Amino acid sequence: MTKKFRDAEVFYRFFDKKSEVVNVYLHGWGCDHKMLIFCHKFLKNQSSLFIDFPPFGRSSKDIGDWTVFTYANMVMSICAHLGIKKFNLIGHSFGGRIAIILAVLCKEETQKVVLVDSAGLKPRRSLKFRARKIMFKIKKWLGKDTTKYESPDYRALSPNMKRIFSSVVGTYLDDFLPFIKAKTLIVFGENDSETPIYMAKKLHKKIKGSELVILENAGHFSFLDKRLEFLVELERFLTPGPELLD
């Protein structure tokens, strides 16, 4: 199914099992809903919503000047469209950014949060990184070639998507964390180089009452590197307790 939101057609899949709470899965940047679909196959008795964030997957490829908050509003719009009043948020990397925002903006609707190798925190930067950034800005200002300072993924983006990507990675959500009141599970791979372990520990420290699970010998896609271990933790955390079954 698709839903129009602003200037985009947003693709989504809704598995309605008539459960009171819907698991909303939020994929990482450059991926699509298929990356997380196996979670629903494992938790097949729970309702699930999967969304392709534009311009990825089967959603529109051309979008305007979206920000991370535009993406969050888009998820809220689809949930409202489907009549979803209570949800669990499961976000990987970029999807974790969206989950953090939604957990704060939608306190009443958010029941539980799962942050998997989540992005959104201000990173520690080395002197070498800062020097490269200064050189990049100088060469860009002088009109010289800056491609060696750009990642292959960044170079492949359109000019507009480069602006969106820069906006997304430059939006830090550290100050949102203390306002997350929903029960939260944090899952990170111990070898994650994109969102390192120190970020997991900061999330754990700033989100009161959160749980932290480190998956050994796993990287940024820890949920794939250690699929079985991840699914066991996900089922344990998301399965309703007796108080929700009365």
C-alpha atoms as a PDB file:
ATOM      1  CA  MET A   1       0.000   0.000   0.000  1.00  0.00           C
ATOM      2  CA  THR A   2       1.021   3.607  -0.438  1.00  0.00           C
ATOM      3  CA  LYS A   3       0.038   6.872   1.197  1.00  0.00           C
ATOM      4  CA  LYS A   4       0.627  10.394  -0.057  1.00  0.00           C
ATOM      5  CA  PHE A   5       2.639  12.513   2.346  1.00  0.00           C
ATOM      6  CA  ARG A   6       3.716  15.985   1.273  1.00  0.00           C
ATOM      7  CA  ASP A   7       5.480  15.475  -2.063  1.00  0.00           C
ATOM      8  CA  ALA A   8       5.968  11.709  -1.811  1.00  0.00           C
ATOM      9  CA  GLU A   9       4.162   8.417  -2.212  1.00  0.00           C
ATOM     10  CA  VAL A  10       5.180   6.376   0.823  1.00  0.00           C
ATOM     11  CA  PHE A  11       5.067   2.584   0.578  1.00  0.00           C
ATOM     12  CA  TYR A  12       4.095   0.578   3.638  1.00  0.00           C
ATOM     13  CA  ARG A  13       3.040  -2.927   4.627  1.00  0.00           C
ATOM     14  CA  PHE A  14       0.635  -3.443   7.510  1.00  0.00           C
ATOM     15  CA  PHE A  15       0.121  -6.879   9.031  1.00  0.00           C
ATOM     16  CA  ASP A  16      -2.971  -6.418  11.175  1.00  0.00           C
ATOM     17  CA  LYS A  17      -3.276  -9.230  13.719  1.00  0.00           C
ATOM     18  CA  LYS A  18      -5.844  -7.252  15.727  1.00  0.00           C
ATOM     19  CA  SER A  19      -3.392  -6.900  18.602  1.00  0.00           C
ATOM     20  CA  GLU A  20      -3.770  -3.812  20.762  1.00  0.00           C
ATOM     21  CA  VAL A  21      -0.197  -2.648  20.158  1.00  0.00           C
ATOM     22  CA  VAL A  22       1.451  -2.497  16.715  1.00  0.00           C
ATOM     23  CA  ASN A  23       5.177  -3.019  16.187  1.00  0.00           C
ATOM     24  CA  VAL A  24       6.407  -0.219  13.913  1.00  0.00           C
ATOM     25  CA  TYR A  25       9.696  -1.108  12.205  1.00  0.00           C
ATOM     26  CA  LEU A  26      11.964   1.736  11.050  1.00  0.00           C
ATOM     27  CA  HIS A  27      14.845   0.787   8.766  1.00  0.00           C
ATOM     28  CA  GLY A  28      18.266   2.351   8.355  1.00  0.00           C
ATOM     29  CA  TRP A  29      19.454   4.850   5.760  1.00  0.00           C
ATOM     30  CA  GLY A  30      19.871   3.348   2.301  1.00  0.00           C
ATOM     31  CA  CYS A  31      17.862   0.235   3.208  1.00  0.00           C
ATOM     32  CA  ASP A  32      14.160  -0.623   2.981  1.00  0.00           C
ATOM     33  CA  HIS A  33      11.496  -2.516   4.925  1.00  0.00           C
ATOM     34  CA  LYS A  34      12.710  -5.886   3.624  1.00  0.00           C
ATOM     35  CA  MET A  35      15.746  -5.612   5.884  1.00  0.00           C
ATOM     36  CA  LEU A  36      13.545  -6.110   8.964  1.00  0.00           C
ATOM     37  CA  ILE A  37      10.670  -8.173   7.591  1.00  0.00           C
ATOM     38  CA  PHE A  38      12.019 -11.363   9.173  1.00  0.00           C
ATOM     39  CA  CYS A  39      11.111  -9.938  12.590  1.00  0.00           C
ATOM     40  CA  HIS A  40       7.405 -10.137  11.744  1.00  0.00           C
ATOM     41  CA  LYS A  41       7.790 -13.697  10.502  1.00  0.00           C
ATOM     42  CA  PHE A  42       9.221 -14.573  13.915  1.00  0.00           C
ATOM     43  CA  LEU A  43       6.656 -12.557  15.897  1.00  0.00           C
ATOM     44  CA  LYS A  44       3.870 -13.623  13.568  1.00  0.00           C
ATOM     45  CA  ASN A  45       1.077 -13.189  16.102  1.00  0.00           C
ATOM     46  CA  GLN A  46       1.855  -9.513  16.666  1.00  0.00           C
ATOM     47  CA  SER A  47       0.637  -6.700  14.403  1.00  0.00           C
ATOM     48  CA  SER A  48       3.435  -5.046  12.436  1.00  0.00           C
ATOM     49  CA  LEU A  49       3.882  -1.954  10.282  1.00  0.00           C
ATOM     50  CA  PHE A  50       6.805  -1.597   7.865  1.00  0.00           C
ATOM     51  CA  ILE A  51       7.552   1.633   6.010  1.00  0.00           C
ATOM     52  CA  ASP A  52       9.970   2.448   3.171  1.00  0.00           C
ATOM     53  CA  PHE A  53      11.509   5.831   3.956  1.00  0.00           C
ATOM     54  CA  PRO A  54      11.682   7.939   0.769  1.00  0.00           C
ATOM     55  CA  PRO A  55      13.683   7.774  -1.438  1.00  0.00           C
ATOM     56  CA  PHE A  56      14.347   4.116  -0.586  1.00  0.00           C
ATOM     57  CA  GLY A  57      12.563   0.890  -1.393  1.00  0.00           C
ATOM     58  CA  ARG A  58       9.245   1.317  -3.172  1.00  0.00           C
ATOM     59  CA  SER A  59       8.600   4.888  -1.997  1.00  0.00           C
ATOM     60  CA  SER A  60       9.045   8.015  -4.148  1.00  0.00           C
ATOM     61  CA  LYS A  61      12.591   8.710  -5.303  1.00  0.00           C
ATOM     62  CA  ASP A  62      12.208  12.487  -5.598  1.00  0.00           C
ATOM     63  CA  ILE A  63      11.384  14.416  -2.444  1.00  0.00           C
ATOM     64  CA  GLY A  64      11.769  17.993  -1.275  1.00  0.00           C
ATOM     65  CA  ASP A  65      13.826  19.386   1.571  1.00  0.00           C
ATOM     66  CA  TRP A  66      12.945  16.794   4.167  1.00  0.00           C
ATOM     67  CA  THR A  67      14.487  16.740   7.642  1.00  0.00           C
ATOM     68  CA  VAL A  68      14.589  13.994  10.241  1.00  0.00           C
ATOM     69  CA  PHE A  69      11.466  15.580  11.737  1.00  0.00           C
ATOM     70  CA  THR A  70       9.670  15.336   8.373  1.00  0.00           C
ATOM     71  CA  TYR A  71      10.311  11.595   8.408  1.00  0.00           C
ATOM     72  CA  ALA A  72       8.969  11.369  11.967  1.00  0.00           C
ATOM     73  CA  ASN A  73       5.814  13.271  10.969  1.00  0.00           C
ATOM     74  CA  MET A  74       5.405  10.935   8.017  1.00  0.00           C
ATOM     75  CA  VAL A  75       5.385   7.897  10.339  1.00  0.00           C
ATOM     76  CA  MET A  76       2.838   9.629  12.592  1.00  0.00           C
ATOM     77  CA  SER A  77       0.671  10.355   9.535  1.00  0.00           C
ATOM     78  CA  ILE A  78       0.635   6.717   8.415  1.00  0.00           C
ATOM     79  CA  CYS A  79      -0.165   5.479  11.926  1.00  0.00           C
ATOM     80  CA  ALA A  80      -3.067   7.931  12.117  1.00  0.00           C
ATOM     81  CA  HIS A  81      -4.239   6.847   8.647  1.00  0.00           C
ATOM     82  CA  LEU A  82      -4.318   3.215   9.802  1.00  0.00           C
ATOM     83  CA  GLY A  83      -5.970   4.020  13.110  1.00  0.00           C
ATOM     84  CA  ILE A  84      -2.981   2.835  15.130  1.00  0.00           C
ATOM     85  CA  LYS A  85      -3.301   4.277  18.629  1.00  0.00           C
ATOM     86  CA  LYS A  86      -0.604   2.325  20.466  1.00  0.00           C
ATOM     87  CA  PHE A  87       2.719   1.199  19.086  1.00  0.00           C
ATOM     88  CA  ASN A  88       6.163  -0.191  19.819  1.00  0.00           C
ATOM     89  CA  LEU A  89       9.005   1.439  17.900  1.00  0.00           C
ATOM     90  CA  ILE A  90      11.854  -0.679  16.535  1.00  0.00           C
ATOM     91  CA  GLY A  91      14.489   1.468  14.809  1.00  0.00           C
ATOM     92  CA  HIS A  92      17.832   0.569  13.284  1.00  0.00           C
ATOM     93  CA  SER A  93      20.487   3.274  12.762  1.00  0.00           C
ATOM     94  CA  PHE A  94      18.629   6.108  10.961  1.00  0.00           C
ATOM     95  CA  GLY A  95      15.391   4.474  12.028  1.00  0.00           C
ATOM     96  CA  GLY A  96      16.616   4.848  15.600  1.00  0.00           C
ATOM     97  CA  ARG A  97      16.681   8.611  15.090  1.00  0.00           C
ATOM     98  CA  ILE A  98      13.026   8.513  14.117  1.00  0.00           C
ATOM     99  CA  ALA A  99      12.180   6.249  17.053  1.00  0.00           C
ATOM    100  CA  ILE A 100      13.821   8.659  19.517  1.00  0.00           C
ATOM    101  CA  ILE A 101      11.824  11.608  18.165  1.00  0.00           C
ATOM    102  CA  LEU A 102       8.534   9.692  18.107  1.00  0.00           C
ATOM    103  CA  ALA A 103       9.057   8.349  21.627  1.00  0.00           C
ATOM    104  CA  VAL A 104       9.210  11.952  22.843  1.00  0.00           C
ATOM    105  CA  LEU A 105       6.519  13.477  20.615  1.00  0.00           C
ATOM    106  CA  CYS A 106       4.098  10.549  21.044  1.00  0.00           C
ATOM    107  CA  LYS A 107       4.494   9.637  24.707  1.00  0.00           C
ATOM    108  CA  GLU A 108       0.940   8.320  25.095  1.00  0.00           C
ATOM    109  CA  GLU A 109       1.057   6.182  21.949  1.00  0.00           C
ATOM    110  CA  THR A 110       4.571   4.770  22.470  1.00  0.00           C
ATOM    111  CA  GLN A 111       4.539   1.641  24.611  1.00  0.00           C
ATOM    112  CA  LYS A 112       8.061   0.291  24.085  1.00  0.00           C
ATOM    113  CA  VAL A 113      11.170   1.331  22.143  1.00  0.00           C
ATOM    114  CA  VAL A 114      13.932  -0.833  20.645  1.00  0.00           C
ATOM    115  CA  LEU A 115      17.019   1.084  19.476  1.00  0.00           C
ATOM    116  CA  VAL A 116      19.271  -1.101  17.320  1.00  0.00           C
ATOM    117  CA  ASP A 117      22.714   0.360  16.592  1.00  0.00           C
ATOM    118  CA  SER A 118      20.891   3.675  16.733  1.00  0.00           C
ATOM    119  CA  ALA A 119      22.224   6.893  15.241  1.00  0.00           C
ATOM    120  CA  GLY A 120      21.294  10.367  16.440  1.00  0.00           C
ATOM    121  CA  LEU A 121      23.929  11.147  19.059  1.00  0.00           C
ATOM    122  CA  LYS A 122      26.673  13.715  18.699  1.00  0.00           C
ATOM    123  CA  PRO A 123      29.837  11.766  17.871  1.00  0.00           C
ATOM    124  CA  ARG A 124      33.272  12.145  19.339  1.00  0.00           C
ATOM    125  CA  ARG A 125      35.581  13.658  16.728  1.00  0.00           C
ATOM    126  CA  SER A 126      39.335  13.196  16.518  1.00  0.00           C
ATOM    127  CA  LEU A 127      41.750  15.981  15.597  1.00  0.00           C
ATOM    128  CA  LYS A 128      42.403  14.170  12.304  1.00  0.00           C
ATOM    129  CA  PHE A 129      38.691  14.230  11.450  1.00  0.00           C
ATOM    130  CA  ARG A 130      38.413  17.903  12.312  1.00  0.00           C
ATOM    131  CA  ALA A 131      41.429  18.724  10.141  1.00  0.00           C
ATOM    132  CA  ARG A 132      39.897  16.846   7.183  1.00  0.00           C
ATOM    133  CA  LYS A 133      36.634  18.706   7.670  1.00  0.00           C
ATOM    134  CA  ILE A 134      38.425  22.058   7.606  1.00  0.00           C
ATOM    135  CA  MET A 135      40.295  21.098   4.416  1.00  0.00           C
ATOM    136  CA  PHE A 136      37.032  19.957   2.836  1.00  0.00           C
ATOM    137  CA  LYS A 137      35.388  23.324   3.577  1.00  0.00           C
ATOM    138  CA  ILE A 138      38.391  25.270   2.285  1.00  0.00           C
ATOM    139  CA  LYS A 139      38.578  23.313  -0.982  1.00  0.00           C
ATOM    140  CA  LYS A 140      34.829  23.527  -1.463  1.00  0.00           C
ATOM    141  CA  TRP A 141      34.961  27.303  -0.934  1.00  0.00           C
ATOM    142  CA  LEU A 142      37.790  27.536  -3.485  1.00  0.00           C
ATOM    143  CA  GLY A 143      35.824  25.463  -5.974  1.00  0.00           C
ATOM    144  CA  LYS A 144      38.323  22.587  -5.971  1.00  0.00           C
ATOM    145  CA  ASP A 145      37.623  18.853  -6.165  1.00  0.00           C
ATOM    146  CA  THR A 146      36.413  17.460  -2.805  1.00  0.00           C
ATOM    147  CA  THR A 147      35.434  13.922  -3.826  1.00  0.00           C
ATOM    148  CA  LYS A 148      38.240  12.271  -1.842  1.00  0.00           C
ATOM    149  CA  TYR A 149      36.614  13.614   1.323  1.00  0.00           C
ATOM    150  CA  GLU A 150      33.237  12.057   0.465  1.00  0.00           C
ATOM    151  CA  SER A 151      32.123   8.466   1.045  1.00  0.00           C
ATOM    152  CA  PRO A 152      31.020   6.392  -1.997  1.00  0.00           C
ATOM    153  CA  ASP A 153      27.439   6.349  -0.640  1.00  0.00           C
ATOM    154  CA  TYR A 154      27.410  10.145  -0.326  1.00  0.00           C
ATOM    155  CA  ARG A 155      28.817  10.647  -3.840  1.00  0.00           C
ATOM    156  CA  ALA A 156      26.051   8.453  -5.258  1.00  0.00           C
ATOM    157  CA  LEU A 157      23.320  10.735  -3.904  1.00  0.00           C
ATOM    158  CA  SER A 158      21.582  13.439  -5.911  1.00  0.00           C
ATOM    159  CA  PRO A 159      22.334  17.064  -4.920  1.00  0.00           C
ATOM    160  CA  ASN A 160      19.010  17.304  -3.075  1.00  0.00           C
ATOM    161  CA  MET A 161      19.549  14.017  -1.219  1.00  0.00           C
ATOM    162  CA  LYS A 162      23.019  15.211  -0.228  1.00  0.00           C
ATOM    163  CA  ARG A 163      21.378  18.217   1.424  1.00  0.00           C
ATOM    164  CA  ILE A 164      18.874  15.977   3.190  1.00  0.00           C
ATOM    165  CA  PHE A 165      21.567  13.546   4.301  1.00  0.00           C
ATOM    166  CA  SER A 166      23.717  16.381   5.658  1.00  0.00           C
ATOM    167  CA  SER A 167      20.725  17.729   7.568  1.00  0.00           C
ATOM    168  CA  VAL A 168      19.933  14.313   9.010  1.00  0.00           C
ATOM    169  CA  VAL A 169      23.452  13.470  10.215  1.00  0.00           C
ATOM    170  CA  GLY A 170      23.871  16.998  11.578  1.00  0.00           C
ATOM    171  CA  THR A 171      20.751  16.779  13.753  1.00  0.00           C
ATOM    172  CA  TYR A 172      21.745  15.544  17.206  1.00  0.00           C
ATOM    173  CA  LEU A 173      19.101  14.163  19.530  1.00  0.00           C
ATOM    174  CA  ASP A 174      21.076  13.855  22.772  1.00  0.00           C
ATOM    175  CA  ASP A 175      18.754  16.293  24.544  1.00  0.00           C
ATOM    176  CA  PHE A 176      15.709  14.169  23.661  1.00  0.00           C
ATOM    177  CA  LEU A 177      16.892  11.105  25.579  1.00  0.00           C
ATOM    178  CA  PRO A 178      15.898  12.095  29.138  1.00  0.00           C
ATOM    179  CA  PHE A 179      12.339  12.693  27.917  1.00  0.00           C
ATOM    180  CA  ILE A 180      11.844   9.108  26.706  1.00  0.00           C
ATOM    181  CA  LYS A 181       9.510   7.510  29.249  1.00  0.00           C
ATOM    182  CA  ALA A 182       8.633   4.290  27.424  1.00  0.00           C
ATOM    183  CA  LYS A 183      10.351   1.058  28.361  1.00  0.00           C
ATOM    184  CA  THR A 184      13.449   0.924  26.141  1.00  0.00           C
ATOM    185  CA  LEU A 185      15.753  -1.842  24.918  1.00  0.00           C
ATOM    186  CA  ILE A 186      19.117  -0.854  23.397  1.00  0.00           C
ATOM    187  CA  VAL A 187      20.838  -3.444  21.189  1.00  0.00           C
ATOM    188  CA  PHE A 188      24.283  -2.792  19.708  1.00  0.00           C
ATOM    189  CA  GLY A 189      26.970  -4.877  18.031  1.00  0.00           C
ATOM    190  CA  GLU A 190      30.223  -4.835  19.977  1.00  0.00           C
ATOM    191  CA  ASN A 191      32.190  -4.179  16.762  1.00  0.00           C
ATOM    192  CA  ASP A 192      29.931  -1.426  15.422  1.00  0.00           C
ATOM    193  CA  SER A 193      32.203   1.201  13.856  1.00  0.00           C
ATOM    194  CA  GLU A 194      29.443   3.496  12.526  1.00  0.00           C
ATOM    195  CA  THR A 195      27.634   3.962  15.840  1.00  0.00           C
ATOM    196  CA  PRO A 196      30.245   2.795  18.372  1.00  0.00           C
ATOM    197  CA  ILE A 197      29.599   1.227  21.746  1.00  0.00           C
ATOM    198  CA  TYR A 198      30.139   4.513  23.591  1.00  0.00           C
ATOM    199  CA  MET A 199      26.903   5.683  21.946  1.00  0.00           C
ATOM    200  CA  ALA A 200      25.056   2.636  23.267  1.00  0.00           C
ATOM    201  CA  LYS A 201      26.320   3.380  26.759  1.00  0.00           C
ATOM    202  CA  LYS A 202      25.241   7.011  26.474  1.00  0.00           C
ATOM    203  CA  LEU A 203      21.762   5.969  25.352  1.00  0.00           C
ATOM    204  CA  HIS A 204      21.582   3.586  28.303  1.00  0.00           C
ATOM    205  CA  LYS A 205      22.708   6.267  30.735  1.00  0.00           C
ATOM    206  CA  LYS A 206      20.390   8.992  29.466  1.00  0.00           C
ATOM    207  CA  ILE A 207      17.228   6.885  29.003  1.00  0.00           C
ATOM    208  CA  LYS A 208      16.048   6.108  32.499  1.00  0.00           C
ATOM    209  CA  GLY A 209      15.321   2.443  33.188  1.00  0.00           C
ATOM    210  CA  SER A 210      16.565   1.263  29.776  1.00  0.00           C
ATOM    211  CA  GLU A 211      18.114  -2.143  29.107  1.00  0.00           C
ATOM    212  CA  LEU A 212      21.392  -2.557  27.221  1.00  0.00           C
ATOM    213  CA  VAL A 213      22.291  -5.686  25.246  1.00  0.00           C
ATOM    214  CA  ILE A 214      25.655  -5.944  23.476  1.00  0.00           C
ATOM    215  CA  LEU A 215      25.826  -8.647  20.810  1.00  0.00           C
ATOM    216  CA  GLU A 216      29.296 -10.167  20.582  1.00  0.00           C
ATOM    217  CA  ASN A 217      31.096 -10.428  17.220  1.00  0.00           C
ATOM    218  CA  ALA A 218      28.484  -8.211  15.570  1.00  0.00           C
ATOM    219  CA  GLY A 219      28.790  -4.919  13.714  1.00  0.00           C
ATOM    220  CA  HIS A 220      26.471  -2.090  12.713  1.00  0.00           C
ATOM    221  CA  PHE A 221      23.917  -4.584  11.395  1.00  0.00           C
ATOM    222  CA  SER A 222      23.946  -6.553  14.620  1.00  0.00           C
ATOM    223  CA  PHE A 223      20.381  -7.768  14.070  1.00  0.00           C
ATOM    224  CA  LEU A 224      21.598  -9.588  10.946  1.00  0.00           C
ATOM    225  CA  ASP A 225      25.028 -10.634  12.230  1.00  0.00           C
ATOM    226  CA  LYS A 226      23.409 -12.266  15.258  1.00  0.00           C
ATOM    227  CA  ARG A 227      19.907 -12.825  13.990  1.00  0.00           C
ATOM    228  CA  LEU A 228      18.849 -15.565  16.417  1.00  0.00           C
ATOM    229  CA  GLU A 229      20.175 -13.760  19.485  1.00  0.00           C
ATOM    230  CA  PHE A 230      18.472 -10.568  18.350  1.00  0.00           C
ATOM    231  CA  LEU A 231      15.126 -12.270  17.770  1.00  0.00           C
ATOM    232  CA  VAL A 232      15.236 -13.905  21.197  1.00  0.00           C
ATOM    233  CA  GLU A 233      15.797 -10.478  22.825  1.00  0.00           C
ATOM    234  CA  LEU A 234      13.133  -8.863  20.651  1.00  0.00           C
ATOM    235  CA  GLU A 235      10.525 -11.492  21.498  1.00  0.00           C
ATOM    236  CA  ARG A 236      11.350 -11.318  25.203  1.00  0.00           C
ATOM    237  CA  PHE A 237      11.043  -7.553  25.235  1.00  0.00           C
ATOM    238  CA  LEU A 238       7.990  -7.082  23.015  1.00  0.00           C
ATOM    239  CA  THR A 239       5.833  -9.990  24.105  1.00  0.00           C
ATOM    240  CA  PRO A 240       3.045  -8.565  26.270  1.00  0.00           C
ATOM    241  CA  GLY A 241       3.134  -9.435  29.943  1.00  0.00           C
ATOM    242  CA  PRO A 242       0.144 -10.732  31.925  1.00  0.00           C
ATOM    243  CA  GLU A 243      -0.898  -7.163  32.782  1.00  0.00           C
ATOM    244  CA  LEU A 244      -1.687  -6.511  29.105  1.00  0.00           C
ATOM    245  CA  LEU A 245      -3.572  -9.762  28.620  1.00  0.00           C
ATOM    246  CA  ASP A 246      -6.201  -9.296  31.342  1.00  0.00           C
END
